């Protein structure tokens, strides 16, 4: 058990989460509390997240968890899913 003042290795801090690229994407595109301020769907963002954040890093669980916490699937991917594209 970690002593007082220590944190578990691998657990990101709030500051790290807030400054992360995925959090920035989330606030811009799908998880902004002021929904009127989110940008429209951009397929290039999906490609960037997949290629730069997941694929190139061999799908790290911390990156996937951050996407899950931001509700990427529910609020960005499914919402904009189109069977014709």
Foldseek 3Di string as FASTA:
>chain_A
DDDPPDDDPPDDDPVCLCPDPVVVLLCQAFQPPVVVRHDYADVVVVVCCCVVVAVVVPRDPVSVVSCVVSVCCPGHVVVPDDPVD
